[in-house]
Amino acid sequence: MCHCGSVDQGGAPPVFSATAEVDGDQVRVVVTGEVDMATADTMLQTALREPAAHVTLDLRGVTFFDSAAIHALVRLAQRFPDTLTVLPSRQVHRVLEISGLGEQGWLRPA
């Protein structure tokens, strides 16, 4: 069964969530669902809400990742140049590979 970015008419849209867990100077943001033009800024703002020296972005529960999501991720990488860690789902990793970001130091293997 493929959930290829489309939603059945009459079906509920995929649930998006972004939650931050703070531990000292580290924040872990767990993101699930679809990150797109409607939700990418929420992902970014959730990561920036808490003052932190290190950010881990856990995207292992993300099912869809578009250009707005990539833009938000690049902004995070610029804000935390040496202290960002991204844990991608297979789909996120594939999108980042296609967009030329697959070799970034902050990206962990899928």
PDB file of N, CA and C in Angstrom:
ATOM      1  N   MET A   1       0.852  -1.187   0.000  1.00  0.00           N
ATOM      2  CA  MET A   1       0.000   0.000   0.000  1.00  0.00           C
ATOM      3  C   MET A   1       0.886   1.235   0.000  1.00  0.00           C
ATOM      4  N   CYS A   2       0.658   2.111  -0.947  1.00  0.00           N
ATOM      5  CA  CYS A   2       1.520   3.284  -1.097  1.00  0.00           C
ATOM      6  C   CYS A   2       0.802   4.543  -0.629  1.00  0.00           C
ATOM      7  N   HIS A   3       1.428   5.231   0.292  1.00  0.00           N
ATOM      8  CA  HIS A   3       0.944   6.563   0.690  1.00  0.00           C
ATOM      9  C   HIS A   3       1.891   7.561   0.047  1.00  0.00           C
ATOM     10  N   CYS A   4       1.718   7.783  -1.224  1.00  0.00           N
ATOM     11  CA  CYS A   4       2.667   8.562  -2.020  1.00  0.00           C
ATOM     12  C   CYS A   4       2.333  10.046  -2.034  1.00  0.00           C
ATOM     13  N   GLY A   5       2.003  10.581  -0.908  1.00  0.00           N
ATOM     14  CA  GLY A   5       1.755  12.006  -0.819  1.00  0.00           C
ATOM     15  C   GLY A   5       0.319  12.391  -1.147  1.00  0.00           C
ATOM     16  N   SER A   6      -0.521  11.407  -1.461  1.00  0.00           N
ATOM     17  CA  SER A   6      -1.908  11.742  -1.754  1.00  0.00           C
ATOM     18  C   SER A   6      -2.787  11.311  -0.588  1.00  0.00           C
ATOM     19  N   VAL A   7      -3.909  11.972  -0.462  1.00  0.00           N
ATOM     20  CA  VAL A   7      -4.852  11.666   0.603  1.00  0.00           C
ATOM     21  C   VAL A   7      -6.166  11.271  -0.056  1.00  0.00           C
ATOM     22  N   ASP A   8      -6.753  10.182   0.411  1.00  0.00           N
ATOM     23  CA  ASP A   8      -8.051   9.779  -0.126  1.00  0.00           C
ATOM     24  C   ASP A   8      -9.069  10.872   0.150  1.00  0.00           C
ATOM     25  N   GLN A   9      -9.911  11.140  -0.822  1.00  0.00           N
ATOM     26  CA  GLN A   9     -10.997  12.095  -0.596  1.00  0.00           C
ATOM     27  C   GLN A   9     -11.880  11.518   0.505  1.00  0.00           C
ATOM     28  N   GLY A  10     -12.155  12.286   1.519  1.00  0.00           N
ATOM     29  CA  GLY A  10     -12.994  11.815   2.599  1.00  0.00           C
ATOM     30  C   GLY A  10     -12.205  11.163   3.723  1.00  0.00           C
ATOM     31  N   GLY A  11     -10.951  10.802   3.467  1.00  0.00           N
ATOM     32  CA  GLY A  11     -10.109  10.235   4.521  1.00  0.00           C
ATOM     33  C   GLY A  11      -9.467  11.349   5.321  1.00  0.00           C
ATOM     34  N   ALA A  12      -9.071  11.043   6.533  1.00  0.00           N
ATOM     35  CA  ALA A  12      -8.398  12.055   7.352  1.00  0.00           C
ATOM     36  C   ALA A  12      -6.988  12.267   6.814  1.00  0.00           C
ATOM     37  N   PRO A  13      -6.511  13.515   6.793  1.00  0.00           N
ATOM     38  CA  PRO A  13      -5.133  13.750   6.342  1.00  0.00           C
ATOM     39  C   PRO A  13      -4.141  13.137   7.327  1.00  0.00           C
ATOM     40  N   PRO A  14      -2.956  12.801   6.849  1.00  0.00           N
ATOM     41  CA  PRO A  14      -1.938  12.247   7.757  1.00  0.00           C
ATOM     42  C   PRO A  14      -1.651  13.223   8.894  1.00  0.00           C
ATOM     43  N   VAL A  15      -1.416  12.691  10.048  1.00  0.00           N
ATOM     44  CA  VAL A  15      -1.196  13.526  11.229  1.00  0.00           C
ATOM     45  C   VAL A  15       0.248  14.013  11.240  1.00  0.00           C
ATOM     46  N   PHE A  16       0.418  15.322  11.418  1.00  0.00           N
ATOM     47  CA  PHE A  16       1.747  15.913  11.586  1.00  0.00           C
ATOM     48  C   PHE A  16       1.909  16.275  13.043  1.00  0.00           C
ATOM     49  N   SER A  17       3.078  15.995  13.583  1.00  0.00           N
ATOM     50  CA  SER A  17       3.379  16.495  14.920  1.00  0.00           C
ATOM     51  C   SER A  17       4.863  16.789  15.018  1.00  0.00           C
ATOM     52  N   ALA A  18       5.191  17.766  15.834  1.00  0.00           N
ATOM     53  CA  ALA A  18       6.575  18.116  16.133  1.00  0.00           C
ATOM     54  C   ALA A  18       6.629  18.450  17.616  1.00  0.00           C
ATOM     55  N   THR A  19       7.364  17.644  18.371  1.00  0.00           N
ATOM     56  CA  THR A  19       7.463  17.866  19.809  1.00  0.00           C
ATOM     57  C   THR A  19       8.921  17.993  20.208  1.00  0.00           C
ATOM     58  N   ALA A  20       9.180  18.876  21.150  1.00  0.00           N
ATOM     59  CA  ALA A  20      10.548  19.118  21.612  1.00  0.00           C
ATOM     60  C   ALA A  20      10.733  18.548  23.010  1.00  0.00           C
ATOM     61  N   GLU A  21      11.854  17.867  23.200  1.00  0.00           N
ATOM     62  CA  GLU A  21      12.241  17.360  24.516  1.00  0.00           C
ATOM     63  C   GLU A  21      13.582  18.004  24.861  1.00  0.00           C
ATOM     64  N   VAL A  22      13.612  18.721  25.968  1.00  0.00           N
ATOM     65  CA  VAL A  22      14.814  19.454  26.365  1.00  0.00           C
ATOM     66  C   VAL A  22      15.555  18.680  27.447  1.00  0.00           C
ATOM     67  N   ASP A  23      16.874  18.572  27.277  1.00  0.00           N
ATOM     68  CA  ASP A  23      17.734  17.941  28.277  1.00  0.00           C
ATOM     69  C   ASP A  23      18.982  18.798  28.410  1.00  0.00           C
ATOM     70  N   GLY A  24      18.974  19.694  29.382  1.00  0.00           N
ATOM     71  CA  GLY A  24      20.108  20.610  29.555  1.00  0.00           C
ATOM     72  C   GLY A  24      20.215  21.545  28.370  1.00  0.00           C
ATOM     73  N   ASP A  25      21.378  21.527  27.682  1.00  0.00           N
ATOM     74  CA  ASP A  25      21.567  22.409  26.528  1.00  0.00           C
ATOM     75  C   ASP A  25      21.267  21.683  25.219  1.00  0.00           C
ATOM     76  N   GLN A  26      20.609  20.527  25.317  1.00  0.00           N
ATOM     77  CA  GLN A  26      20.258  19.775  24.117  1.00  0.00           C
ATOM     78  C   GLN A  26      18.747  19.719  23.967  1.00  0.00           C
ATOM     79  N   VAL A  27      18.292  19.835  22.717  1.00  0.00           N
ATOM     80  CA  VAL A  27      16.871  19.671  22.427  1.00  0.00           C
ATOM     81  C   VAL A  27      16.741  18.608  21.347  1.00  0.00           C
ATOM     82  N   ARG A  28      15.781  17.718  21.561  1.00  0.00           N
ATOM     83  CA  ARG A  28      15.473  16.677  20.587  1.00  0.00           C
ATOM     84  C   ARG A  28      14.065  16.966  20.073  1.00  0.00           C
ATOM     85  N   VAL A  29      13.944  17.158  18.763  1.00  0.00           N
ATOM     86  CA  VAL A  29      12.658  17.427  18.145  1.00  0.00           C
ATOM     87  C   VAL A  29      12.235  16.182  17.382  1.00  0.00           C
ATOM     88  N   VAL A  30      11.121  15.603  17.798  1.00  0.00           N
ATOM     89  CA  VAL A  30      10.591  14.402  17.156  1.00  0.00           C
ATOM     90  C   VAL A  30       9.464  14.827  16.237  1.00  0.00           C
ATOM     91  N   VAL A  31       9.630  14.533  14.950  1.00  0.00           N
ATOM     92  CA  VAL A  31       8.673  14.947  13.929  1.00  0.00           C
ATOM     93  C   VAL A  31       8.063  13.706  13.294  1.00  0.00           C
ATOM     94  N   THR A  32       6.740  13.711  13.129  1.00  0.00           N
ATOM     95  CA  THR A  32       6.062  12.602  12.467  1.00  0.00           C
ATOM     96  C   THR A  32       5.100  13.138  11.414  1.00  0.00           C
ATOM     97  N   GLY A  33       4.780  12.292  10.449  1.00  0.00           N
ATOM     98  CA  GLY A  33       3.804  12.647   9.418  1.00  0.00           C
ATOM     99  C   GLY A  33       4.436  13.351   8.239  1.00  0.00           C
ATOM    100  N   GLU A  34       3.674  14.232   7.612  1.00  0.00           N
ATOM    101  CA  GLU A  34       4.111  14.924   6.402  1.00  0.00           C
ATOM    102  C   GLU A  34       4.661  16.306   6.737  1.00  0.00           C
ATOM    103  N   VAL A  35       5.883  16.581   6.267  1.00  0.00           N
ATOM    104  CA  VAL A  35       6.475  17.906   6.430  1.00  0.00           C
ATOM    105  C   VAL A  35       6.443  18.552   5.050  1.00  0.00           C
ATOM    106  N   ASP A  36       5.611  19.586   4.935  1.00  0.00           N
ATOM    107  CA  ASP A  36       5.411  20.244   3.650  1.00  0.00           C
ATOM    108  C   ASP A  36       5.235  21.742   3.866  1.00  0.00           C
ATOM    109  N   MET A  37       4.740  22.424   2.861  1.00  0.00           N
ATOM    110  CA  MET A  37       4.605  23.877   2.950  1.00  0.00           C
ATOM    111  C   MET A  37       3.763  24.296   4.149  1.00  0.00           C
ATOM    112  N   ALA A  38       2.789  23.481   4.522  1.00  0.00           N
ATOM    113  CA  ALA A  38       1.888  23.833   5.625  1.00  0.00           C
ATOM    114  C   ALA A  38       2.495  23.565   6.996  1.00  0.00           C
ATOM    115  N   THR A  39       3.494  22.665   7.078  1.00  0.00           N
ATOM    116  CA  THR A  39       3.994  22.241   8.386  1.00  0.00           C
ATOM    117  C   THR A  39       5.488  22.473   8.606  1.00  0.00           C
ATOM    118  N   ALA A  40       6.228  22.802   7.547  1.00  0.00           N
ATOM    119  CA  ALA A  40       7.692  22.936   7.669  1.00  0.00           C
ATOM    120  C   ALA A  40       8.077  24.024   8.667  1.00  0.00           C
ATOM    121  N   ASP A  41       7.351  25.149   8.657  1.00  0.00           N
ATOM    122  CA  ASP A  41       7.702  26.232   9.580  1.00  0.00           C
ATOM    123  C   ASP A  41       7.438  25.825  11.028  1.00  0.00           C
ATOM    124  N   THR A  42       6.408  25.020  11.249  1.00  0.00           N
ATOM    125  CA  THR A  42       6.144  24.527  12.604  1.00  0.00           C
ATOM    126  C   THR A  42       7.302  23.653  13.079  1.00  0.00           C
ATOM    127  N   MET A  43       7.827  22.805  12.193  1.00  0.00           N
ATOM    128  CA  MET A  43       8.990  21.988  12.538  1.00  0.00           C
ATOM    129  C   MET A  43      10.172  22.886  12.923  1.00  0.00           C
ATOM    130  N   LEU A  44      10.426  23.902  12.110  1.00  0.00           N
ATOM    131  CA  LEU A  44      11.535  24.821  12.361  1.00  0.00           C
ATOM    132  C   LEU A  44      11.342  25.568  13.678  1.00  0.00           C
ATOM    133  N   GLN A  45      10.158  26.135  13.880  1.00  0.00           N
ATOM    134  CA  GLN A  45       9.903  26.915  15.099  1.00  0.00           C
ATOM    135  C   GLN A  45       9.958  26.037  16.352  1.00  0.00           C
ATOM    136  N   THR A  46       9.542  24.791  16.248  1.00  0.00           N
ATOM    137  CA  THR A  46       9.624  23.878  17.394  1.00  0.00           C
ATOM    138  C   THR A  46      11.084  23.658  17.772  1.00  0.00           C
ATOM    139  N   ALA A  47      11.951  23.536  16.767  1.00  0.00           N
ATOM    140  CA  ALA A  47      13.375  23.330  17.030  1.00  0.00           C
ATOM    141  C   ALA A  47      14.024  24.576  17.616  1.00  0.00           C
ATOM    142  N   LEU A  48      13.527  25.746  17.245  1.00  0.00           N
ATOM    143  CA  LEU A  48      14.141  27.002  17.698  1.00  0.00           C
ATOM    144  C   LEU A  48      13.522  27.546  18.983  1.00  0.00           C
ATOM    145  N   ARG A  49      12.414  26.981  19.417  1.00  0.00           N
ATOM    146  CA  ARG A  49      11.677  27.523  20.562  1.00  0.00           C
ATOM    147  C   ARG A  49      12.500  27.484  21.845  1.00  0.00           C
ATOM    148  N   GLU A  50      13.224  26.407  22.041  1.00  0.00           N
ATOM    149  CA  GLU A  50      14.005  26.253  23.269  1.00  0.00           C
ATOM    150  C   GLU A  50      15.446  26.681  23.028  1.00  0.00           C
ATOM    151  N   PRO A  51      16.050  27.427  23.954  1.00  0.00           N
ATOM    152  CA  PRO A  51      17.466  27.759  23.789  1.00  0.00           C
ATOM    153  C   PRO A  51      18.291  26.486  23.953  1.00  0.00           C
ATOM    154  N   ALA A  52      19.076  26.154  22.943  1.00  0.00           N
ATOM    155  CA  ALA A  52      19.843  24.916  22.981  1.00  0.00           C
ATOM    156  C   ALA A  52      21.148  25.093  22.224  1.00  0.00           C
ATOM    157  N   ALA A  53      22.162  24.379  22.675  1.00  0.00           N
ATOM    158  CA  ALA A  53      23.443  24.386  21.981  1.00  0.00           C
ATOM    159  C   ALA A  53      23.493  23.281  20.932  1.00  0.00           C
ATOM    160  N   HIS A  54      22.729  22.217  21.143  1.00  0.00           N
ATOM    161  CA  HIS A  54      22.715  21.084  20.219  1.00  0.00           C
ATOM    162  C   HIS A  54      21.278  20.692  19.919  1.00  0.00           C
ATOM    163  N   VAL A  55      20.995  20.473  18.636  1.00  0.00           N
ATOM    164  CA  VAL A  55      19.652  20.073  18.216  1.00  0.00           C
ATOM    165  C   VAL A  55      19.724  18.731  17.502  1.00  0.00           C
ATOM    166  N   THR A  56      18.895  17.789  17.948  1.00  0.00           N
ATOM    167  CA  THR A  56      18.714  16.532  17.232  1.00  0.00           C
ATOM    168  C   THR A  56      17.323  16.566  16.628  1.00  0.00           C
ATOM    169  N   LEU A  57      17.263  16.416  15.319  1.00  0.00           N
ATOM    170  CA  LEU A  57      15.990  16.407  14.605  1.00  0.00           C
ATOM    171  C   LEU A  57      15.698  14.964  14.213  1.00  0.00           C
ATOM    172  N   ASP A  58      14.736  14.375  14.897  1.00  0.00           N
ATOM    173  CA  ASP A  58      14.380  12.972  14.670  1.00  0.00           C
ATOM    174  C   ASP A  58      13.247  12.924  13.654  1.00  0.00           C
ATOM    175  N   LEU A  59      13.604  12.584  12.416  1.00  0.00           N
ATOM    176  CA  LEU A  59      12.634  12.547  11.315  1.00  0.00           C
ATOM    177  C   LEU A  59      12.279  11.115  10.929  1.00  0.00           C
ATOM    178  N   ARG A  60      12.559  10.161  11.806  1.00  0.00           N
ATOM    179  CA  ARG A  60      12.335   8.760  11.452  1.00  0.00           C
ATOM    180  C   ARG A  60      10.865   8.416  11.289  1.00  0.00           C
ATOM    181  N   GLY A  61       9.962   9.263  11.794  1.00  0.00           N
ATOM    182  CA  GLY A  61       8.536   9.031  11.626  1.00  0.00           C
ATOM    183  C   GLY A  61       7.911   9.872  10.527  1.00  0.00           C
ATOM    184  N   VAL A  62       8.753  10.515   9.707  1.00  0.00           N
ATOM    185  CA  VAL A  62       8.253  11.388   8.636  1.00  0.00           C
ATOM    186  C   VAL A  62       7.977  10.559   7.385  1.00  0.00           C
ATOM    187  N   THR A  63       6.788  10.766   6.799  1.00  0.00           N
ATOM    188  CA  THR A  63       6.367  10.000   5.629  1.00  0.00           C
ATOM    189  C   THR A  63       6.448  10.789   4.330  1.00  0.00           C
ATOM    190  N   PHE A  64       6.580  12.113   4.420  1.00  0.00           N
ATOM    191  CA  PHE A  64       6.635  12.965   3.232  1.00  0.00           C
ATOM    192  C   PHE A  64       7.461  14.187   3.580  1.00  0.00           C
ATOM    193  N   PHE A  65       8.346  14.609   2.652  1.00  0.00           N
ATOM    194  CA  PHE A  65       9.285  15.700   2.914  1.00  0.00           C
ATOM    195  C   PHE A  65       9.449  16.454   1.605  1.00  0.00           C
ATOM    196  N   ASP A  66       8.990  17.715   1.540  1.00  0.00           N
ATOM    197  CA  ASP A  66       9.058  18.445   0.275  1.00  0.00           C
ATOM    198  C   ASP A  66      10.085  19.575   0.322  1.00  0.00           C
ATOM    199  N   SER A  67      10.061  20.430  -0.699  1.00  0.00           N
ATOM    200  CA  SER A  67      11.074  21.488  -0.802  1.00  0.00           C
ATOM    201  C   SER A  67      10.977  22.485   0.353  1.00  0.00           C
ATOM    202  N   ALA A  68       9.778  22.746   0.866  1.00  0.00           N
ATOM    203  CA  ALA A  68       9.648  23.645   2.021  1.00  0.00           C
ATOM    204  C   ALA A  68      10.318  23.023   3.241  1.00  0.00           C
ATOM    205  N   ALA A  69      10.200  21.713   3.381  1.00  0.00           N
ATOM    206  CA  ALA A  69      10.844  21.008   4.487  1.00  0.00           C
ATOM    207  C   ALA A  69      12.364  21.068   4.346  1.00  0.00           C
ATOM    208  N   ILE A  70      12.851  20.889   3.123  1.00  0.00           N
ATOM    209  CA  ILE A  70      14.298  20.987   2.876  1.00  0.00           C
ATOM    210  C   ILE A  70      14.791  22.378   3.248  1.00  0.00           C
ATOM    211  N   HIS A  71      14.052  23.406   2.848  1.00  0.00           N
ATOM    212  CA  HIS A  71      14.438  24.787   3.159  1.00  0.00           C
ATOM    213  C   HIS A  71      14.513  25.003   4.672  1.00  0.00           C
ATOM    214  N   ALA A  72      13.523  24.492   5.407  1.00  0.00           N
ATOM    215  CA  ALA A  72      13.530  24.630   6.870  1.00  0.00           C
ATOM    216  C   ALA A  72      14.724  23.896   7.469  1.00  0.00           C
ATOM    217  N   LEU A  73      15.049  22.729   6.930  1.00  0.00           N
ATOM    218  CA  LEU A  73      16.184  21.958   7.422  1.00  0.00           C
ATOM    219  C   LEU A  73      17.499  22.683   7.157  1.00  0.00           C
ATOM    220  N   VAL A  74      17.643  23.275   5.992  1.00  0.00           N
ATOM    221  CA  VAL A  74      18.853  24.043   5.665  1.00  0.00           C
ATOM    222  C   VAL A  74      18.998  25.237   6.609  1.00  0.00           C
ATOM    223  N   ARG A  75      17.879  25.899   6.923  1.00  0.00           N
ATOM    224  CA  ARG A  75      17.928  27.018   7.877  1.00  0.00           C
ATOM    225  C   ARG A  75      18.405  26.544   9.249  1.00  0.00           C
ATOM    226  N   LEU A  76      17.940  25.376   9.681  1.00  0.00           N
ATOM    227  CA  LEU A  76      18.401  24.813  10.957  1.00  0.00           C
ATOM    228  C   LEU A  76      19.888  24.507  10.907  1.00  0.00           C
ATOM    229  N   ALA A  77      20.345  23.954   9.790  1.00  0.00           N
ATOM    230  CA  ALA A  77      21.771  23.619   9.640  1.00  0.00           C
ATOM    231  C   ALA A  77      22.630  24.880   9.683  1.00  0.00           C
ATOM    232  N   GLN A  78      22.108  25.987   9.148  1.00  0.00           N
ATOM    233  CA  GLN A  78      22.845  27.251   9.202  1.00  0.00           C
ATOM    234  C   GLN A  78      22.868  27.801  10.625  1.00  0.00           C
ATOM    235  N   ARG A  79      21.785  27.612  11.350  1.00  0.00           N
ATOM    236  CA  ARG A  79      21.686  28.123  12.723  1.00  0.00           C
ATOM    237  C   ARG A  79      22.552  27.315  13.692  1.00  0.00           C
ATOM    238  N   PHE A  80      22.679  26.003  13.436  1.00  0.00           N
ATOM    239  CA  PHE A  80      23.463  25.098  14.285  1.00  0.00           C
ATOM    240  C   PHE A  80      24.501  24.389  13.419  1.00  0.00           C
ATOM    241  N   PRO A  81      25.517  25.143  12.916  1.00  0.00           N
ATOM    242  CA  PRO A  81      26.430  24.586  11.908  1.00  0.00           C
ATOM    243  C   PRO A  81      27.205  23.352  12.363  1.00  0.00           C
ATOM    244  N   ASP A  82      27.532  23.262  13.632  1.00  0.00           N
ATOM    245  CA  ASP A  82      28.332  22.128  14.103  1.00  0.00           C
ATOM    246  C   ASP A  82      27.607  21.269  15.121  1.00  0.00           C
ATOM    247  N   THR A  83      26.371  21.601  15.437  1.00  0.00           N
ATOM    248  CA  THR A  83      25.699  20.901  16.534  1.00  0.00           C
ATOM    249  C   THR A  83      24.318  20.383  16.160  1.00  0.00           C
ATOM    250  N   LEU A  84      24.061  20.213  14.860  1.00  0.00           N
ATOM    251  CA  LEU A  84      22.792  19.644  14.410  1.00  0.00           C
ATOM    252  C   LEU A  84      23.007  18.181  14.038  1.00  0.00           C
ATOM    253  N   THR A  85      22.092  17.332  14.486  1.00  0.00           N
ATOM    254  CA  THR A  85      22.076  15.926  14.094  1.00  0.00           C
ATOM    255  C   THR A  85      20.693  15.623  13.536  1.00  0.00           C
ATOM    256  N   VAL A  86      20.641  15.014  12.350  1.00  0.00           N
ATOM    257  CA  VAL A  86      19.368  14.661  11.726  1.00  0.00           C
ATOM    258  C   VAL A  86      19.294  13.149  11.577  1.00  0.00           C
ATOM    259  N   LEU A  87      18.223  12.585  12.133  1.00  0.00           N
ATOM    260  CA  LEU A  87      17.960  11.153  12.020  1.00  0.00           C
ATOM    261  C   LEU A  87      16.821  10.991  11.016  1.00  0.00           C
ATOM    262  N   PRO A  88      17.116  10.596   9.760  1.00  0.00           N
ATOM    263  CA  PRO A  88      16.083  10.595   8.727  1.00  0.00           C
ATOM    264  C   PRO A  88      15.333   9.268   8.624  1.00  0.00           C
ATOM    265  N   SER A  89      14.103   9.345   8.133  1.00  0.00           N
ATOM    266  CA  SER A  89      13.422   8.138   7.678  1.00  0.00           C
ATOM    267  C   SER A  89      14.020   7.796   6.307  1.00  0.00           C
ATOM    268  N   ARG A  90      13.692   6.627   5.778  1.00  0.00           N
ATOM    269  CA  ARG A  90      14.194   6.267   4.447  1.00  0.00           C
ATOM    270  C   ARG A  90      13.719   7.271   3.406  1.00  0.00           C
ATOM    271  N   GLN A  91      12.469   7.728   3.520  1.00  0.00           N
ATOM    272  CA  GLN A  91      11.943   8.680   2.547  1.00  0.00           C
ATOM    273  C   GLN A  91      12.659  10.022   2.642  1.00  0.00           C
ATOM    274  N   VAL A  92      12.896  10.503   3.856  1.00  0.00           N
ATOM    275  CA  VAL A  92      13.610  11.774   4.027  1.00  0.00           C
ATOM    276  C   VAL A  92      15.024  11.640   3.472  1.00  0.00           C
ATOM    277  N   HIS A  93      15.688  10.524   3.759  1.00  0.00           N
ATOM    278  CA  HIS A  93      17.052  10.326   3.269  1.00  0.00           C
ATOM    279  C   HIS A  93      17.076  10.358   1.748  1.00  0.00           C
ATOM    280  N   ARG A  94      16.092   9.712   1.115  1.00  0.00           N
ATOM    281  CA  ARG A  94      16.046   9.683  -0.349  1.00  0.00           C
ATOM    282  C   ARG A  94      15.853  11.086  -0.911  1.00  0.00           C
ATOM    283  N   VAL A  95      14.964  11.868  -0.303  1.00  0.00           N
ATOM    284  CA  VAL A  95      14.737  13.247  -0.761  1.00  0.00           C
ATOM    285  C   VAL A  95      16.012  14.074  -0.619  1.00  0.00           C
ATOM    286  N   LEU A  96      16.712  13.921   0.494  1.00  0.00           N
ATOM    287  CA  LEU A  96      17.946  14.683   0.704  1.00  0.00           C
ATOM    288  C   LEU A  96      19.039  14.250  -0.266  1.00  0.00           C
ATOM    289  N   GLU A  97      19.103  12.954  -0.575  1.00  0.00           N
ATOM    290  CA  GLU A  97      20.066  12.469  -1.574  1.00  0.00           C
ATOM    291  C   GLU A  97      19.787  13.121  -2.924  1.00  0.00           C
ATOM    292  N   ILE A  98      18.522  13.104  -3.341  1.00  0.00           N
ATOM    293  CA  ILE A  98      18.134  13.657  -4.637  1.00  0.00           C
ATOM    294  C   ILE A  98      18.444  15.150  -4.697  1.00  0.00           C
ATOM    295  N   SER A  99      18.269  15.844  -3.578  1.00  0.00           N
ATOM    296  CA  SER A  99      18.473  17.292  -3.553  1.00  0.00           C
ATOM    297  C   SER A  99      19.934  17.684  -3.356  1.00  0.00           C
ATOM    298  N   GLY A 100      20.833  16.694  -3.245  1.00  0.00           N
ATOM    299  CA  GLY A 100      22.259  16.988  -3.114  1.00  0.00           C
ATOM    300  C   GLY A 100      22.721  17.186  -1.687  1.00  0.00           C
ATOM    301  N   LEU A 101      21.874  16.871  -0.705  1.00  0.00           N
ATOM    302  CA  LEU A 101      22.235  17.076   0.695  1.00  0.00           C
ATOM    303  C   LEU A 101      22.566  15.755   1.405  1.00  0.00           C
ATOM    304  N   GLY A 102      22.723  14.683   0.661  1.00  0.00           N
ATOM    305  CA  GLY A 102      22.926  13.370   1.262  1.00  0.00           C
ATOM    306  C   GLY A 102      24.259  13.169   1.938  1.00  0.00           C
ATOM    307  N   GLU A 103      25.217  14.052   1.669  1.00  0.00           N
ATOM    308  CA  GLU A 103      26.556  13.895   2.245  1.00  0.00           C
ATOM    309  C   GLU A 103      26.845  14.890   3.364  1.00  0.00           C
ATOM    310  N   GLN A 104      25.826  15.581   3.840  1.00  0.00           N
ATOM    311  CA  GLN A 104      26.047  16.567   4.905  1.00  0.00           C
ATOM    312  C   GLN A 104      26.495  15.889   6.190  1.00  0.00           C
ATOM    313  N   GLY A 105      27.373  16.550   6.933  1.00  0.00           N
ATOM    314  CA  GLY A 105      27.894  15.991   8.173  1.00  0.00           C
ATOM    315  C   GLY A 105      26.842  15.783   9.246  1.00  0.00           C
ATOM    316  N   TRP A 106      25.753  16.545   9.193  1.00  0.00           N
ATOM    317  CA  TRP A 106      24.707  16.425  10.208  1.00  0.00           C
ATOM    318  C   TRP A 106      23.734  15.278   9.945  1.00  0.00           C
ATOM    319  N   LEU A 107      23.799  14.691   8.742  1.00  0.00           N
ATOM    320  CA  LEU A 107      22.854  13.643   8.373  1.00  0.00           C
ATOM    321  C   LEU A 107      23.387  12.274   8.773  1.00  0.00           C
ATOM    322  N   ARG A 108      22.618  11.544   9.539  1.00  0.00           N
ATOM    323  CA  ARG A 108      22.972  10.180   9.926  1.00  0.00           C
ATOM    324  C   ARG A 108      22.403   9.208   8.895  1.00  0.00           C
ATOM    325  N   PRO A 109      22.954   8.000   8.794  1.00  0.00           N
ATOM    326  CA  PRO A 109      22.388   7.022   7.841  1.00  0.00           C
ATOM    327  C   PRO A 109      20.935   6.698   8.183  1.00  0.00           C
ATOM    328  N   ALA A 110      20.166   6.424   7.150  1.00  0.00           N
ATOM    329  CA  ALA A 110      18.742   6.092   7.343  1.00  0.00           C
ATOM    330  C   ALA A 110      18.621   4.708   7.969  1.00  0.00           C
TER     331      ALA A 110
END
